[in-house]
Amino acid sequence: MRTVNDEAVRNHLSQGRAVVVFVGHMGNWDVAGAWSTQNLAPVTTVAERLKPEEVFKEFFAFRERLGMTILPLTGAGDPFAGLTAAVERGDFVALAADRDLTRGGVEVDFFGRKARMAKGPAALALRTGAALFAAEIHYEKAPAGHGMGGYYTVVGFSDEIPVPALDADASGKSVQIMIQACAAHLEAAIRTHTEDWHMMQKVFVEDLDPQRDAAR
């Protein structure tokens, strides 16, 4: 493992302030989560309930064995309540948010097109006062004799995502602005490490709703 620009994250955690991280589906996020649990703070995250159920249970158990706390997205109560409790404990909350699973996400500019991404990281940070960062994960060729299979997993953090100076009743706009900043960090990483973005589902609005795109 190698980390980049993690000083601010460590400072917040050492002072007892929880950190929420917007993570893309890049690199090996299980390795990153396991390392973060051991070296930063206990990791709490949300997992999509996959089908068949046996597959979901395997992922769930595997990540728990790595030391992470896993909250199912559906079928086990309100995950946002669980995430709020994790922030109150001072956890490192990492949320894969480059795909909207709830139909309640926000639209962002992404590679010159509109994409829908989850609003959870920004909404949680605003609600709780936790610090928000974006992170990208990619592989890096390791020197001979080092790394897993000859590669390091690299986690690169953004600078802290600021809360916009808007009126209190403009929280929805604040969420959109903050997720847009996260998307910009992810986009820059994907341009450099395209092969490490493992997004196999639709994220662009024109693909999600082709009839709407055709009518514009």
N, C-alpha and C. Protein backbone atom coordinates (compact mmCIF):
# COMPACT_ATOMS: atom_id res chain seq x y z
N MET A 1 0.83 -1.20 0.00
CA MET A 1 0.00 0.00 0.00
C MET A 1 0.86 1.25 0.00
N ARG A 2 0.37 2.25 -0.72
CA ARG A 2 1.01 3.56 -0.67
C ARG A 2 -0.10 4.61 -0.69
N THR A 3 0.03 5.63 0.13
CA THR A 3 -0.98 6.68 0.18
C THR A 3 -0.38 8.00 -0.30
N VAL A 4 -1.25 8.84 -0.84
CA VAL A 4 -0.86 10.15 -1.35
C VAL A 4 -1.79 11.20 -0.74
N ASN A 5 -1.22 12.25 -0.20
CA ASN A 5 -1.97 13.40 0.31
C ASN A 5 -2.92 12.99 1.45
N ASP A 6 -2.42 12.17 2.36
CA ASP A 6 -3.27 11.69 3.46
C ASP A 6 -3.07 12.45 4.77
N GLU A 7 -2.28 13.51 4.75
CA GLU A 7 -1.97 14.22 6.00
C GLU A 7 -3.21 14.81 6.67
N ALA A 8 -4.06 15.46 5.88
CA ALA A 8 -5.25 16.09 6.47
C ALA A 8 -6.20 15.04 7.02
N VAL A 9 -6.33 13.92 6.33
CA VAL A 9 -7.17 12.83 6.82
C VAL A 9 -6.67 12.33 8.17
N ARG A 10 -5.37 12.10 8.27
CA ARG A 10 -4.80 11.62 9.52
C ARG A 10 -4.97 12.65 10.64
N ASN A 11 -4.81 13.92 10.32
CA ASN A 11 -4.94 14.97 11.34
C ASN A 11 -6.36 14.99 11.91
N HIS A 12 -7.36 14.93 11.04
CA HIS A 12 -8.74 14.92 11.53
C HIS A 12 -8.99 13.72 12.43
N LEU A 13 -8.57 12.54 12.00
CA LEU A 13 -8.82 11.33 12.77
C LEU A 13 -8.09 11.35 14.10
N SER A 14 -6.87 11.87 14.11
CA SER A 14 -6.11 11.92 15.36
C SER A 14 -6.72 12.88 16.37
N GLN A 15 -7.48 13.85 15.86
CA GLN A 15 -8.15 14.82 16.73
C GLN A 15 -9.57 14.41 17.08
N GLY A 16 -9.96 13.19 16.68
CA GLY A 16 -11.27 12.69 17.03
C GLY A 16 -12.39 13.09 16.10
N ARG A 17 -12.06 13.69 14.95
CA ARG A 17 -13.10 14.08 14.00
C ARG A 17 -13.22 12.99 12.93
N ALA A 18 -14.42 12.49 12.74
CA ALA A 18 -14.64 11.44 11.75
C ALA A 18 -14.40 11.97 10.34
N VAL A 19 -14.07 11.06 9.45
CA VAL A 19 -13.81 11.39 8.05
C VAL A 19 -14.75 10.55 7.18
N VAL A 20 -15.39 11.22 6.21
CA VAL A 20 -16.21 10.55 5.21
C VAL A 20 -15.48 10.66 3.88
N VAL A 21 -15.38 9.55 3.17
CA VAL A 21 -14.63 9.53 1.91
C VAL A 21 -15.52 9.03 0.78
N PHE A 22 -15.59 9.83 -0.27
CA PHE A 22 -16.23 9.44 -1.53
C PHE A 22 -15.20 8.62 -2.30
N VAL A 23 -15.54 7.36 -2.58
CA VAL A 23 -14.61 6.46 -3.26
C VAL A 23 -15.24 6.01 -4.58
N GLY A 24 -14.44 5.96 -5.62
CA GLY A 24 -14.88 5.40 -6.88
C GLY A 24 -14.60 3.92 -6.94
N HIS A 25 -15.24 3.24 -7.88
CA HIS A 25 -14.98 1.81 -8.08
C HIS A 25 -13.67 1.66 -8.85
N MET A 26 -12.59 1.89 -8.12
CA MET A 26 -11.26 1.84 -8.72
C MET A 26 -10.36 0.92 -7.92
N GLY A 27 -9.42 0.30 -8.62
CA GLY A 27 -8.39 -0.48 -7.96
C GLY A 27 -8.99 -1.56 -7.07
N ASN A 28 -8.31 -1.87 -5.99
CA ASN A 28 -8.76 -2.89 -5.05
C ASN A 28 -9.21 -2.19 -3.78
N TRP A 29 -10.50 -1.87 -3.70
CA TRP A 29 -10.99 -1.13 -2.54
C TRP A 29 -11.06 -2.02 -1.30
N ASP A 30 -11.05 -3.36 -1.45
CA ASP A 30 -10.98 -4.22 -0.27
C ASP A 30 -9.62 -4.12 0.41
N VAL A 31 -8.56 -4.12 -0.40
CA VAL A 31 -7.22 -3.92 0.17
C VAL A 31 -7.13 -2.55 0.84
N ALA A 32 -7.64 -1.54 0.16
CA ALA A 32 -7.59 -0.18 0.71
C ALA A 32 -8.37 -0.10 2.02
N GLY A 33 -9.55 -0.74 2.06
CA GLY A 33 -10.35 -0.72 3.28
C GLY A 33 -9.69 -1.45 4.43
N ALA A 34 -9.11 -2.61 4.13
CA ALA A 34 -8.42 -3.38 5.18
C ALA A 34 -7.23 -2.60 5.72
N TRP A 35 -6.47 -1.98 4.83
CA TRP A 35 -5.32 -1.20 5.28
C TRP A 35 -5.77 0.00 6.11
N SER A 36 -6.83 0.67 5.67
CA SER A 36 -7.31 1.86 6.39
C SER A 36 -7.78 1.51 7.79
N THR A 37 -8.44 0.35 7.92
CA THR A 37 -8.90 -0.09 9.24
C THR A 37 -7.73 -0.28 10.19
N GLN A 38 -6.62 -0.78 9.67
CA GLN A 38 -5.45 -1.04 10.52
C GLN A 38 -4.60 0.20 10.75
N ASN A 39 -4.63 1.16 9.82
CA ASN A 39 -3.66 2.25 9.87
C ASN A 39 -4.26 3.65 10.01
N LEU A 40 -5.58 3.78 9.81
CA LEU A 40 -6.21 5.10 9.95
C LEU A 40 -7.24 5.08 11.07
N ALA A 41 -8.35 4.39 10.83
CA ALA A 41 -9.42 4.25 11.82
C ALA A 41 -10.34 3.13 11.35
N PRO A 42 -11.16 2.58 12.24
CA PRO A 42 -12.09 1.52 11.82
C PRO A 42 -12.95 1.98 10.65
N VAL A 43 -13.02 1.16 9.62
CA VAL A 43 -13.76 1.51 8.41
C VAL A 43 -15.20 1.00 8.49
N THR A 44 -16.13 1.89 8.18
CA THR A 44 -17.53 1.51 8.01
C THR A 44 -17.93 1.86 6.59
N THR A 45 -18.65 0.94 5.95
CA THR A 45 -19.07 1.18 4.58
C THR A 45 -20.43 0.52 4.34
N VAL A 46 -21.01 0.79 3.19
CA VAL A 46 -22.30 0.23 2.80
C VAL A 46 -22.09 -0.71 1.63
N ALA A 47 -22.78 -1.83 1.64
CA ALA A 47 -22.68 -2.81 0.56
C ALA A 47 -24.02 -2.99 -0.11
N GLU A 48 -24.01 -3.00 -1.44
CA GLU A 48 -25.21 -3.29 -2.21
C GLU A 48 -25.61 -4.74 -1.99
N ARG A 49 -26.91 -4.98 -1.84
CA ARG A 49 -27.39 -6.34 -1.66
C ARG A 49 -27.47 -7.01 -3.03
N LEU A 50 -26.45 -7.80 -3.33
CA LEU A 50 -26.35 -8.45 -4.63
C LEU A 50 -27.25 -9.68 -4.72
N LYS A 51 -27.50 -10.11 -5.93
CA LYS A 51 -28.23 -11.35 -6.18
C LYS A 51 -27.32 -12.31 -6.96
N PRO A 52 -27.36 -13.58 -6.62
CA PRO A 52 -28.15 -14.19 -5.56
C PRO A 52 -27.65 -13.83 -4.16
N GLU A 53 -28.47 -14.11 -3.16
CA GLU A 53 -28.15 -13.74 -1.79
C GLU A 53 -26.83 -14.35 -1.33
N GLU A 54 -26.49 -15.53 -1.84
CA GLU A 54 -25.24 -16.19 -1.43
C GLU A 54 -24.02 -15.35 -1.81
N VAL A 55 -24.10 -14.66 -2.96
CA VAL A 55 -22.98 -13.81 -3.37
C VAL A 55 -22.84 -12.64 -2.40
N PHE A 56 -23.96 -12.02 -2.06
CA PHE A 56 -23.93 -10.92 -1.10
C PHE A 56 -23.33 -11.36 0.23
N LYS A 57 -23.75 -12.53 0.71
CA LYS A 57 -23.25 -13.02 2.00
C LYS A 57 -21.75 -13.28 1.95
N GLU A 58 -21.25 -13.76 0.81
CA GLU A 58 -19.81 -14.00 0.68
C GLU A 58 -19.03 -12.69 0.76
N PHE A 59 -19.47 -11.67 0.01
CA PHE A 59 -18.81 -10.37 0.06
C PHE A 59 -18.89 -9.78 1.47
N PHE A 60 -20.06 -9.88 2.08
CA PHE A 60 -20.28 -9.33 3.41
C PHE A 60 -19.31 -9.96 4.41
N ALA A 61 -19.25 -11.29 4.40
CA ALA A 61 -18.39 -11.99 5.35
C ALA A 61 -16.91 -11.71 5.09
N PHE A 62 -16.54 -11.66 3.80
CA PHE A 62 -15.14 -11.41 3.46
C PHE A 62 -14.69 -10.05 3.99
N ARG A 63 -15.51 -9.03 3.78
CA ARG A 63 -15.12 -7.69 4.22
C ARG A 63 -15.14 -7.55 5.73
N GLU A 64 -16.04 -8.26 6.37
CA GLU A 64 -16.01 -8.25 7.83
C GLU A 64 -14.76 -8.92 8.36
N ARG A 65 -14.29 -9.98 7.69
CA ARG A 65 -13.05 -10.64 8.11
C ARG A 65 -11.85 -9.71 7.95
N LEU A 66 -11.95 -8.76 7.03
CA LEU A 66 -10.88 -7.78 6.86
C LEU A 66 -10.92 -6.69 7.92
N GLY A 67 -11.95 -6.70 8.77
CA GLY A 67 -12.03 -5.76 9.87
C GLY A 67 -12.98 -4.60 9.66
N MET A 68 -13.69 -4.59 8.53
CA MET A 68 -14.60 -3.50 8.24
C MET A 68 -15.99 -3.78 8.78
N THR A 69 -16.71 -2.72 9.12
CA THR A 69 -18.12 -2.82 9.48
C THR A 69 -18.94 -2.56 8.22
N ILE A 70 -19.80 -3.53 7.86
CA ILE A 70 -20.55 -3.46 6.61
C ILE A 70 -22.03 -3.27 6.92
N LEU A 71 -22.63 -2.25 6.31
CA LEU A 71 -24.05 -1.98 6.45
C LEU A 71 -24.73 -2.32 5.13
N PRO A 72 -25.69 -3.24 5.10
CA PRO A 72 -26.40 -3.51 3.86
C PRO A 72 -27.19 -2.29 3.40
N LEU A 73 -27.20 -2.04 2.11
CA LEU A 73 -27.94 -0.90 1.57
C LEU A 73 -29.44 -1.08 1.79
N THR A 74 -29.92 -2.31 1.66
CA THR A 74 -31.34 -2.60 1.82
C THR A 74 -31.52 -3.85 2.66
N GLY A 75 -32.72 -3.96 3.26
CA GLY A 75 -33.07 -5.18 3.96
C GLY A 75 -32.58 -5.31 5.37
N ALA A 76 -32.00 -4.23 5.94
CA ALA A 76 -31.49 -4.33 7.32
C ALA A 76 -31.59 -2.99 8.04
N GLY A 77 -32.69 -2.29 7.83
CA GLY A 77 -32.85 -1.00 8.48
C GLY A 77 -32.25 0.13 7.66
N ASP A 78 -32.23 1.32 8.25
CA ASP A 78 -31.77 2.53 7.58
C ASP A 78 -30.25 2.61 7.62
N PRO A 79 -29.56 2.48 6.47
CA PRO A 79 -28.09 2.55 6.51
C PRO A 79 -27.58 3.92 6.92
N PHE A 80 -28.36 4.98 6.62
CA PHE A 80 -27.89 6.32 6.98
C PHE A 80 -27.79 6.46 8.50
N ALA A 81 -28.70 5.83 9.22
CA ALA A 81 -28.62 5.85 10.68
C ALA A 81 -27.35 5.14 11.16
N GLY A 82 -27.04 4.02 10.52
CA GLY A 82 -25.82 3.32 10.88
C GLY A 82 -24.57 4.12 10.57
N LEU A 83 -24.59 4.84 9.45
CA LEU A 83 -23.45 5.69 9.10
C LEU A 83 -23.31 6.85 10.07
N THR A 84 -24.43 7.41 10.49
CA THR A 84 -24.38 8.50 11.47
C THR A 84 -23.76 8.01 12.77
N ALA A 85 -24.13 6.81 13.19
CA ALA A 85 -23.53 6.24 14.40
C ALA A 85 -22.04 6.02 14.21
N ALA A 86 -21.63 5.62 13.01
CA ALA A 86 -20.21 5.41 12.73
C ALA A 86 -19.44 6.73 12.84
N VAL A 87 -20.02 7.80 12.33
CA VAL A 87 -19.38 9.12 12.45
C VAL A 87 -19.25 9.50 13.92
N GLU A 88 -20.29 9.25 14.69
CA GLU A 88 -20.24 9.59 16.12
C GLU A 88 -19.15 8.81 16.84
N ARG A 89 -18.82 7.61 16.33
CA ARG A 89 -17.73 6.82 16.92
C ARG A 89 -16.36 7.31 16.46
N GLY A 90 -16.33 8.15 15.45
CA GLY A 90 -15.05 8.61 14.90
C GLY A 90 -14.49 7.69 13.86
N ASP A 91 -15.35 6.92 13.19
CA ASP A 91 -14.89 5.96 12.18
C ASP A 91 -14.42 6.66 10.90
N PHE A 92 -13.80 5.86 10.07
CA PHE A 92 -13.41 6.26 8.71
C PHE A 92 -14.49 5.68 7.81
N VAL A 93 -15.39 6.53 7.33
CA VAL A 93 -16.56 6.08 6.56
C VAL A 93 -16.24 6.21 5.07
N ALA A 94 -16.12 5.08 4.39
CA ALA A 94 -15.76 5.06 2.96
C ALA A 94 -16.96 4.57 2.16
N LEU A 95 -17.43 5.39 1.23
CA LEU A 95 -18.63 5.07 0.47
C LEU A 95 -18.34 5.12 -1.03
N ALA A 96 -18.53 3.98 -1.69
CA ALA A 96 -18.41 3.94 -3.15
C ALA A 96 -19.62 4.67 -3.73
N ALA A 97 -19.39 5.82 -4.35
CA ALA A 97 -20.50 6.71 -4.68
C ALA A 97 -20.52 7.16 -6.13
N ASP A 98 -19.72 6.54 -6.99
CA ASP A 98 -19.70 6.97 -8.39
C ASP A 98 -20.82 6.32 -9.20
N ARG A 99 -21.76 5.66 -8.53
CA ARG A 99 -22.96 5.14 -9.17
C ARG A 99 -24.11 5.31 -8.19
N ASP A 100 -25.24 5.84 -8.65
CA ASP A 100 -26.39 6.08 -7.80
C ASP A 100 -27.26 4.83 -7.74
N LEU A 101 -27.38 4.24 -6.55
CA LEU A 101 -28.16 3.02 -6.38
C LEU A 101 -29.56 3.29 -5.85
N THR A 102 -29.87 4.54 -5.50
CA THR A 102 -31.11 4.84 -4.81
C THR A 102 -32.10 5.62 -5.64
N ARG A 103 -31.71 6.09 -6.81
CA ARG A 103 -32.52 7.00 -7.62
C ARG A 103 -32.74 8.34 -6.93
N GLY A 104 -31.99 8.59 -5.89
CA GLY A 104 -32.09 9.86 -5.18
C GLY A 104 -30.79 10.64 -5.22
N GLY A 105 -29.91 10.29 -6.16
CA GLY A 105 -28.61 10.93 -6.25
C GLY A 105 -28.66 12.30 -6.91
N VAL A 106 -27.50 12.79 -7.29
CA VAL A 106 -27.40 14.11 -7.91
C VAL A 106 -26.70 13.98 -9.26
N GLU A 107 -27.01 14.91 -10.15
CA GLU A 107 -26.35 14.95 -11.44
C GLU A 107 -25.08 15.79 -11.35
N VAL A 108 -24.02 15.28 -11.96
CA VAL A 108 -22.74 16.00 -12.00
C VAL A 108 -22.21 15.98 -13.42
N ASP A 109 -21.31 16.91 -13.70
CA ASP A 109 -20.58 16.90 -14.96
C ASP A 109 -19.42 15.93 -14.83
N PHE A 110 -19.33 14.99 -15.78
CA PHE A 110 -18.34 13.93 -15.68
C PHE A 110 -17.89 13.58 -17.09
N PHE A 111 -16.66 13.89 -17.41
CA PHE A 111 -16.12 13.67 -18.75
C PHE A 111 -16.98 14.37 -19.82
N GLY A 112 -17.46 15.56 -19.51
CA GLY A 112 -18.23 16.33 -20.48
C GLY A 112 -19.65 15.88 -20.66
N ARG A 113 -20.13 14.99 -19.81
CA ARG A 113 -21.50 14.50 -19.88
C ARG A 113 -22.11 14.53 -18.48
N LYS A 114 -23.41 14.36 -18.42
CA LYS A 114 -24.08 14.31 -17.14
C LYS A 114 -24.07 12.87 -16.61
N ALA A 115 -23.74 12.73 -15.35
CA ALA A 115 -23.76 11.42 -14.70
C ALA A 115 -24.49 11.55 -13.37
N ARG A 116 -25.05 10.44 -12.91
CA ARG A 116 -25.72 10.43 -11.61
C ARG A 116 -24.84 9.70 -10.60
N MET A 117 -24.60 10.38 -9.48
CA MET A 117 -23.78 9.81 -8.42
C MET A 117 -24.50 9.92 -7.10
N ALA A 118 -24.13 9.07 -6.17
CA ALA A 118 -24.79 9.04 -4.86
C ALA A 118 -24.47 10.30 -4.07
N LYS A 119 -25.46 10.78 -3.37
CA LYS A 119 -25.28 12.01 -2.58
C LYS A 119 -24.88 11.71 -1.14
N GLY A 120 -24.86 10.42 -0.77
CA GLY A 120 -24.63 10.05 0.61
C GLY A 120 -23.41 10.64 1.28
N PRO A 121 -22.22 10.61 0.64
CA PRO A 121 -21.04 11.16 1.32
C PRO A 121 -21.20 12.62 1.72
N ALA A 122 -21.71 13.45 0.81
CA ALA A 122 -21.87 14.87 1.12
C ALA A 122 -22.99 15.08 2.13
N ALA A 123 -24.11 14.39 1.95
CA ALA A 123 -25.23 14.53 2.88
C ALA A 123 -24.82 14.15 4.29
N LEU A 124 -24.05 13.06 4.42
CA LEU A 124 -23.60 12.61 5.73
C LEU A 124 -22.65 13.62 6.37
N ALA A 125 -21.72 14.14 5.58
CA ALA A 125 -20.78 15.13 6.10
C ALA A 125 -21.50 16.39 6.56
N LEU A 126 -22.46 16.85 5.76
CA LEU A 126 -23.21 18.05 6.13
C LEU A 126 -24.04 17.81 7.39
N ARG A 127 -24.66 16.64 7.47
CA ARG A 127 -25.53 16.35 8.61
C ARG A 127 -24.75 16.22 9.91
N THR A 128 -23.55 15.66 9.84
CA THR A 128 -22.81 15.32 11.06
C THR A 128 -21.63 16.24 11.38
N GLY A 129 -21.19 17.01 10.39
CA GLY A 129 -20.00 17.83 10.60
C GLY A 129 -18.70 17.09 10.36
N ALA A 130 -18.76 15.88 9.83
CA ALA A 130 -17.54 15.14 9.50
C ALA A 130 -16.83 15.81 8.33
N ALA A 131 -15.54 15.57 8.22
CA ALA A 131 -14.76 16.09 7.09
C ALA A 131 -14.97 15.21 5.88
N LEU A 132 -15.13 15.81 4.71
CA LEU A 132 -15.35 15.07 3.48
C LEU A 132 -14.13 15.13 2.57
N PHE A 133 -13.73 13.98 2.07
CA PHE A 133 -12.65 13.86 1.11
C PHE A 133 -13.12 12.95 -0.03
N ALA A 134 -12.45 13.04 -1.17
CA ALA A 134 -12.60 12.06 -2.23
C ALA A 134 -11.31 11.26 -2.30
N ALA A 135 -11.42 10.01 -2.73
CA ALA A 135 -10.23 9.17 -2.85
C ALA A 135 -10.31 8.36 -4.12
N GLU A 136 -9.17 8.17 -4.73
CA GLU A 136 -9.07 7.27 -5.89
C GLU A 136 -8.06 6.18 -5.55
N ILE A 137 -8.29 5.01 -6.14
CA ILE A 137 -7.45 3.85 -5.86
C ILE A 137 -6.96 3.29 -7.19
N HIS A 138 -5.67 3.08 -7.30
CA HIS A 138 -5.15 2.48 -8.53
C HIS A 138 -3.96 1.58 -8.20
N TYR A 139 -3.53 0.85 -9.21
CA TYR A 139 -2.38 -0.04 -9.07
C TYR A 139 -1.12 0.64 -9.58
N GLU A 140 -0.01 0.27 -8.96
CA GLU A 140 1.29 0.82 -9.35
C GLU A 140 2.30 -0.30 -9.35
N LYS A 141 3.06 -0.39 -10.41
CA LYS A 141 4.09 -1.43 -10.50
C LYS A 141 5.08 -1.28 -9.36
N ALA A 142 5.32 -2.36 -8.64
CA ALA A 142 6.22 -2.32 -7.49
C ALA A 142 7.62 -2.76 -7.90
N PRO A 143 8.63 -2.33 -7.15
CA PRO A 143 9.98 -2.83 -7.42
C PRO A 143 10.02 -4.35 -7.30
N ALA A 144 10.96 -4.97 -7.94
CA ALA A 144 11.07 -6.43 -7.92
C ALA A 144 11.09 -6.94 -6.48
N GLY A 145 10.26 -7.94 -6.22
CA GLY A 145 10.24 -8.54 -4.90
C GLY A 145 9.32 -7.87 -3.91
N HIS A 146 8.57 -6.84 -4.36
CA HIS A 146 7.68 -6.12 -3.45
C HIS A 146 6.26 -6.15 -4.01
N GLY A 147 5.31 -5.76 -3.16
CA GLY A 147 3.93 -5.61 -3.61
C GLY A 147 3.20 -6.93 -3.73
N MET A 148 1.90 -6.83 -3.93
CA MET A 148 1.04 -8.00 -4.11
C MET A 148 1.01 -8.35 -5.59
N GLY A 149 1.62 -9.46 -5.97
CA GLY A 149 1.67 -9.82 -7.37
C GLY A 149 2.50 -8.86 -8.19
N GLY A 150 3.42 -8.18 -7.53
CA GLY A 150 4.27 -7.22 -8.24
C GLY A 150 3.69 -5.82 -8.34
N TYR A 151 2.58 -5.56 -7.62
CA TYR A 151 1.94 -4.25 -7.67
C TYR A 151 1.64 -3.72 -6.28
N TYR A 152 1.68 -2.40 -6.15
CA TYR A 152 1.16 -1.73 -4.97
C TYR A 152 -0.27 -1.29 -5.26
N THR A 153 -1.07 -1.18 -4.19
CA THR A 153 -2.34 -0.46 -4.26
C THR A 153 -2.08 0.94 -3.74
N VAL A 154 -2.42 1.94 -4.54
CA VAL A 154 -2.18 3.35 -4.20
C VAL A 154 -3.52 4.03 -3.94
N VAL A 155 -3.62 4.73 -2.82
CA VAL A 155 -4.80 5.52 -2.50
C VAL A 155 -4.40 6.99 -2.50
N GLY A 156 -5.04 7.76 -3.37
CA GLY A 156 -4.76 9.19 -3.46
C GLY A 156 -5.95 10.00 -2.97
N PHE A 157 -5.75 10.79 -1.93
CA PHE A 157 -6.82 11.61 -1.36
C PHE A 157 -6.85 13.00 -1.98
N SER A 158 -8.04 13.54 -2.13
CA SER A 158 -8.18 14.94 -2.50
C SER A 158 -7.88 15.80 -1.29
N ASP A 159 -7.80 17.11 -1.50
CA ASP A 159 -7.85 18.02 -0.37
C ASP A 159 -9.25 17.94 0.23
N GLU A 160 -9.42 18.42 1.45
CA GLU A 160 -10.75 18.38 2.06
C GLU A 160 -11.75 19.14 1.20
N ILE A 161 -12.91 18.54 0.99
CA ILE A 161 -13.96 19.17 0.20
C ILE A 161 -14.66 20.19 1.08
N PRO A 162 -14.61 21.48 0.74
CA PRO A 162 -15.21 22.49 1.62
C PRO A 162 -16.72 22.50 1.54
N VAL A 163 -17.34 22.95 2.61
CA VAL A 163 -18.79 23.17 2.61
C VAL A 163 -19.06 24.51 1.96
N PRO A 164 -19.89 24.58 0.93
CA PRO A 164 -20.16 25.86 0.26
C PRO A 164 -20.77 26.88 1.21
N ALA A 165 -20.44 28.13 0.98
CA ALA A 165 -20.99 29.21 1.80
C ALA A 165 -22.37 29.60 1.28
N LEU A 166 -23.36 28.75 1.59
CA LEU A 166 -24.73 28.97 1.14
C LEU A 166 -25.64 29.06 2.35
N ASP A 167 -26.85 29.55 2.12
CA ASP A 167 -27.84 29.60 3.19
C ASP A 167 -28.15 28.19 3.69
N ALA A 168 -28.58 28.09 4.93
CA ALA A 168 -28.87 26.79 5.53
C ALA A 168 -29.95 26.03 4.77
N ASP A 169 -30.89 26.77 4.14
CA ASP A 169 -31.96 26.09 3.43
C ASP A 169 -31.55 25.64 2.03
N ALA A 170 -30.27 25.84 1.69
CA ALA A 170 -29.77 25.42 0.37
C ALA A 170 -28.92 24.17 0.48
N SER A 171 -29.29 23.27 1.41
CA SER A 171 -28.48 22.08 1.65
C SER A 171 -28.42 21.19 0.41
N GLY A 172 -29.52 21.13 -0.36
CA GLY A 172 -29.51 20.32 -1.57
C GLY A 172 -28.48 20.81 -2.57
N LYS A 173 -28.36 22.12 -2.71
CA LYS A 173 -27.36 22.70 -3.60
C LYS A 173 -25.96 22.43 -3.07
N SER A 174 -25.79 22.51 -1.76
CA SER A 174 -24.48 22.23 -1.17
C SER A 174 -24.04 20.80 -1.47
N VAL A 175 -24.98 19.86 -1.35
CA VAL A 175 -24.67 18.46 -1.65
C VAL A 175 -24.20 18.32 -3.09
N GLN A 176 -24.92 18.95 -4.02
CA GLN A 176 -24.56 18.84 -5.43
C GLN A 176 -23.16 19.40 -5.69
N ILE A 177 -22.86 20.55 -5.10
CA ILE A 177 -21.55 21.18 -5.29
C ILE A 177 -20.43 20.29 -4.74
N MET A 178 -20.67 19.70 -3.58
CA MET A 178 -19.64 18.87 -2.95
C MET A 178 -19.43 17.56 -3.71
N ILE A 179 -20.51 16.95 -4.20
CA ILE A 179 -20.35 15.73 -4.98
C ILE A 179 -19.70 16.05 -6.33
N GLN A 180 -19.98 17.22 -6.89
CA GLN A 180 -19.30 17.61 -8.12
C GLN A 180 -17.79 17.70 -7.90
N ALA A 181 -17.38 18.24 -6.76
CA ALA A 181 -15.94 18.32 -6.45
C ALA A 181 -15.34 16.92 -6.33
N CYS A 182 -16.08 15.99 -5.73
CA CYS A 182 -15.61 14.60 -5.63
C CYS A 182 -15.49 13.98 -7.02
N ALA A 183 -16.49 14.23 -7.86
CA ALA A 183 -16.48 13.67 -9.22
C ALA A 183 -15.29 14.21 -10.02
N ALA A 184 -14.93 15.47 -9.81
CA ALA A 184 -13.79 16.04 -10.52
C ALA A 184 -12.49 15.35 -10.12
N HIS A 185 -12.35 15.04 -8.83
CA HIS A 185 -11.16 14.32 -8.38
C HIS A 185 -11.10 12.93 -9.02
N LEU A 186 -12.25 12.26 -9.04
CA LEU A 186 -12.30 10.93 -9.64
C LEU A 186 -12.02 10.97 -11.13
N GLU A 187 -12.58 11.94 -11.82
CA GLU A 187 -12.37 12.06 -13.26
C GLU A 187 -10.89 12.21 -13.59
N ALA A 188 -10.19 13.05 -12.84
CA ALA A 188 -8.77 13.25 -13.10
C ALA A 188 -8.00 11.94 -12.92
N ALA A 189 -8.39 11.16 -11.91
CA ALA A 189 -7.71 9.88 -11.66
C ALA A 189 -8.00 8.89 -12.78
N ILE A 190 -9.24 8.85 -13.24
CA ILE A 190 -9.61 7.90 -14.29
C ILE A 190 -8.90 8.24 -15.60
N ARG A 191 -8.69 9.50 -15.87
CA ARG A 191 -7.97 9.88 -17.09
C ARG A 191 -6.56 9.30 -17.09
N THR A 192 -5.95 9.22 -15.90
CA THR A 192 -4.59 8.71 -15.79
C THR A 192 -4.55 7.19 -15.63
N HIS A 193 -5.56 6.64 -14.97
CA HIS A 193 -5.56 5.20 -14.66
C HIS A 193 -6.89 4.59 -15.13
N THR A 194 -7.18 4.76 -16.40
CA THR A 194 -8.47 4.32 -16.94
C THR A 194 -8.71 2.83 -16.70
N GLU A 195 -7.67 2.04 -16.85
CA GLU A 195 -7.83 0.59 -16.73
C GLU A 195 -8.20 0.14 -15.33
N ASP A 196 -8.05 1.02 -14.33
CA ASP A 196 -8.34 0.66 -12.95
C ASP A 196 -9.74 1.06 -12.51
N TRP A 197 -10.54 1.64 -13.42
CA TRP A 197 -11.93 2.00 -13.08
C TRP A 197 -12.83 0.83 -13.44
N HIS A 198 -13.33 0.15 -12.45
CA HIS A 198 -14.10 -1.08 -12.67
C HIS A 198 -15.61 -0.80 -12.62
N MET A 199 -16.06 0.10 -13.45
CA MET A 199 -17.48 0.45 -13.48
C MET A 199 -18.14 -0.28 -14.64
N MET A 200 -18.91 -1.30 -14.33
CA MET A 200 -19.55 -2.12 -15.34
C MET A 200 -21.04 -1.82 -15.48
N GLN A 201 -21.52 -0.80 -14.76
CA GLN A 201 -22.92 -0.41 -14.86
C GLN A 201 -23.05 0.98 -15.46
N LYS A 202 -24.27 1.37 -15.77
CA LYS A 202 -24.53 2.67 -16.39
C LYS A 202 -24.49 3.78 -15.35
N VAL A 203 -23.77 4.85 -15.66
CA VAL A 203 -23.72 6.00 -14.77
C VAL A 203 -24.13 7.29 -15.47
N PHE A 204 -24.04 7.33 -16.80
CA PHE A 204 -24.35 8.55 -17.53
C PHE A 204 -25.85 8.67 -17.76
N VAL A 205 -26.36 9.88 -17.59
CA VAL A 205 -27.79 10.12 -17.65
C VAL A 205 -28.37 9.68 -19.00
N GLU A 206 -27.65 9.94 -20.07
CA GLU A 206 -28.17 9.60 -21.40
C GLU A 206 -28.33 8.09 -21.58
N ASP A 207 -27.54 7.30 -20.83
CA ASP A 207 -27.68 5.85 -20.88
C ASP A 207 -28.79 5.37 -19.95
N LEU A 208 -28.96 6.08 -18.82
CA LEU A 208 -29.99 5.69 -17.89
C LEU A 208 -31.38 6.00 -18.41
N ASP A 209 -31.49 7.12 -19.16
CA ASP A 209 -32.79 7.56 -19.65
C ASP A 209 -32.65 8.02 -21.09
N PRO A 210 -32.48 7.12 -22.04
CA PRO A 210 -32.23 7.52 -23.45
C PRO A 210 -33.35 8.32 -24.06
N GLN A 211 -34.62 8.10 -23.66
CA GLN A 211 -35.73 8.85 -24.23
C GLN A 211 -35.65 10.32 -23.85
N ARG A 212 -35.28 10.57 -22.59
CA ARG A 212 -35.13 11.95 -22.14
C ARG A 212 -34.01 12.64 -22.90
N ASP A 213 -32.89 11.92 -23.11
CA ASP A 213 -31.75 12.51 -23.81
C ASP A 213 -32.13 12.82 -25.27
N ALA A 214 -32.89 11.96 -25.90
CA ALA A 214 -33.26 12.17 -27.28
C ALA A 214 -34.20 13.36 -27.44
N ALA A 215 -34.96 13.66 -26.39
CA ALA A 215 -35.93 14.76 -26.48
C ALA A 215 -35.30 16.12 -26.29
N ARG A 216 -34.07 16.15 -25.79
CA ARG A 216 -33.45 17.45 -25.55
C ARG A 216 -33.00 18.11 -26.84
